[in-house]
Protein backbone atom coordinates (compact mmCIF):
# COMPACT_ATOMS: atom_id res chain seq x y z
CA MET A 1 8.41 2.39 -23.00
CA GLN A 2 11.33 0.40 -21.65
CA ARG A 3 10.53 -2.94 -20.05
CA ILE A 4 12.19 -3.72 -16.73
CA ALA A 5 13.55 -7.21 -16.14
CA SER A 6 12.91 -7.59 -12.39
CA TRP A 7 10.85 -6.23 -9.53
CA PRO A 8 13.93 -4.98 -7.61
CA ALA A 9 15.03 -2.98 -10.67
CA PHE A 10 11.49 -1.64 -11.01
CA TYR A 11 11.41 -0.51 -7.36
CA MET A 12 14.86 1.09 -7.71
CA ARG A 13 13.83 3.13 -10.75
CA LEU A 14 10.54 4.09 -9.13
CA GLY A 15 12.39 5.21 -6.00
CA LEU A 16 14.82 7.29 -8.03
CA LYS A 17 11.96 9.01 -9.84
CA ALA A 18 10.32 9.73 -6.47
CA LEU A 19 13.55 11.25 -5.11
CA VAL A 20 13.74 13.65 -8.03
CA ARG A 21 10.05 14.62 -7.96
CA PRO A 22 8.53 15.01 -4.46
CA ARG A 23 4.94 15.23 -5.79
CA VAL A 24 5.45 11.81 -7.39
CA ALA A 25 6.75 10.49 -4.06
CA VAL A 26 3.58 11.58 -2.28
CA ASP A 27 1.38 10.09 -5.01
CA LEU A 28 3.26 6.80 -4.89
CA LEU A 29 3.13 6.56 -1.10
CA ARG A 30 -0.63 7.06 -1.18
CA LEU A 31 -0.95 4.44 -3.91
CA VAL A 32 1.16 1.89 -2.03
CA TRP A 33 -0.82 2.47 1.16
CA SER A 34 -4.10 1.86 -0.68
CA PHE A 35 -2.84 -1.49 -2.04
CA ARG A 36 -1.71 -2.85 1.34
CA ALA A 37 -3.11 -6.12 2.67
CA ARG A 38 -5.61 -6.02 5.48
CA ASP A 39 -4.07 -6.97 8.82
CA TRP A 40 -0.56 -6.64 7.35
CA TYR A 41 0.75 -5.95 10.84
CA ARG A 42 -0.27 -9.45 12.02
CA ARG A 43 1.73 -11.47 9.50
CA PRO A 44 5.45 -11.56 8.80
CA PRO A 45 7.26 -9.68 7.35
CA PHE A 46 5.01 -7.07 9.04
CA LEU A 47 5.13 -4.69 6.07
CA PRO A 48 2.16 -3.03 4.35
CA LEU A 49 2.56 -5.03 1.14
CA PRO A 50 -0.23 -6.02 -1.24
CA PRO A 51 -1.23 -9.70 -1.41
CA ARG A 52 0.58 -11.60 -4.15
CA ASP A 53 -2.62 -12.93 -5.72
CA TYR A 54 -4.06 -9.40 -5.85
CA MET A 55 -0.98 -8.07 -7.65
CA GLN A 56 -1.07 -10.98 -10.09
CA TRP A 57 -4.72 -10.17 -10.83
CA ARG A 58 -3.87 -6.48 -11.32
CA MET A 59 -1.05 -7.35 -13.74
CA PHE A 60 -3.28 -9.78 -15.64
CA THR A 61 -6.10 -7.26 -16.04
CA ALA A 62 -3.70 -4.48 -17.06
CA TYR A 63 -1.18 -6.35 -19.21
CA GLY A 64 -2.68 -9.78 -19.93
CA ASP A 65 0.11 -11.55 -18.02
CA GLU A 66 0.19 -12.33 -14.31
CA GLN A 67 3.99 -12.12 -14.30
CA ALA A 68 4.19 -8.73 -16.06
CA ILE A 69 6.23 -5.94 -14.55
CA PRO A 70 4.74 -2.52 -15.33
CA SER A 71 6.77 0.35 -16.65
CA VAL A 72 7.71 3.06 -14.18
CA ASP A 73 5.86 5.62 -16.30
CA ASP A 74 2.67 3.52 -16.16
CA VAL A 75 2.73 3.48 -12.37
CA VAL A 76 3.59 7.17 -12.04
CA ASN A 77 0.82 8.09 -14.49
CA PHE A 78 -1.68 5.89 -12.63
CA ALA A 79 -0.73 7.45 -9.29
CA ARG A 80 -1.12 10.95 -10.77
CA TRP A 81 -4.43 10.03 -12.42
CA ARG A 82 -5.68 8.63 -9.12
CA ARG A 83 -4.86 11.90 -7.32
CA GLU A 84 -6.32 14.16 -10.00
CA THR A 85 -9.43 12.14 -10.77
CA MET A 86 -10.34 10.55 -7.49
CA GLY A 87 -8.87 13.19 -5.18
CA LEU A 88 -6.82 10.57 -3.33
């Protein structure tokens, strides 16, 4: 498992994986939509992004570090697991 040094690099690699595998793209889009902040359309930058404190909590509970950046494979596997197990 290769660690990624920055969030932009993480998003780039995740996007490339989604381009190559359309099923992964669908799973990731559903995952991102489920993590969005409530009323995201009322606050700049008007993007459906998750709240920072929520993401820090998720990283802490998963990796023991609020500043952790997950591996691309971890996120893809979680998105697939979510679809297969929860039917989402």
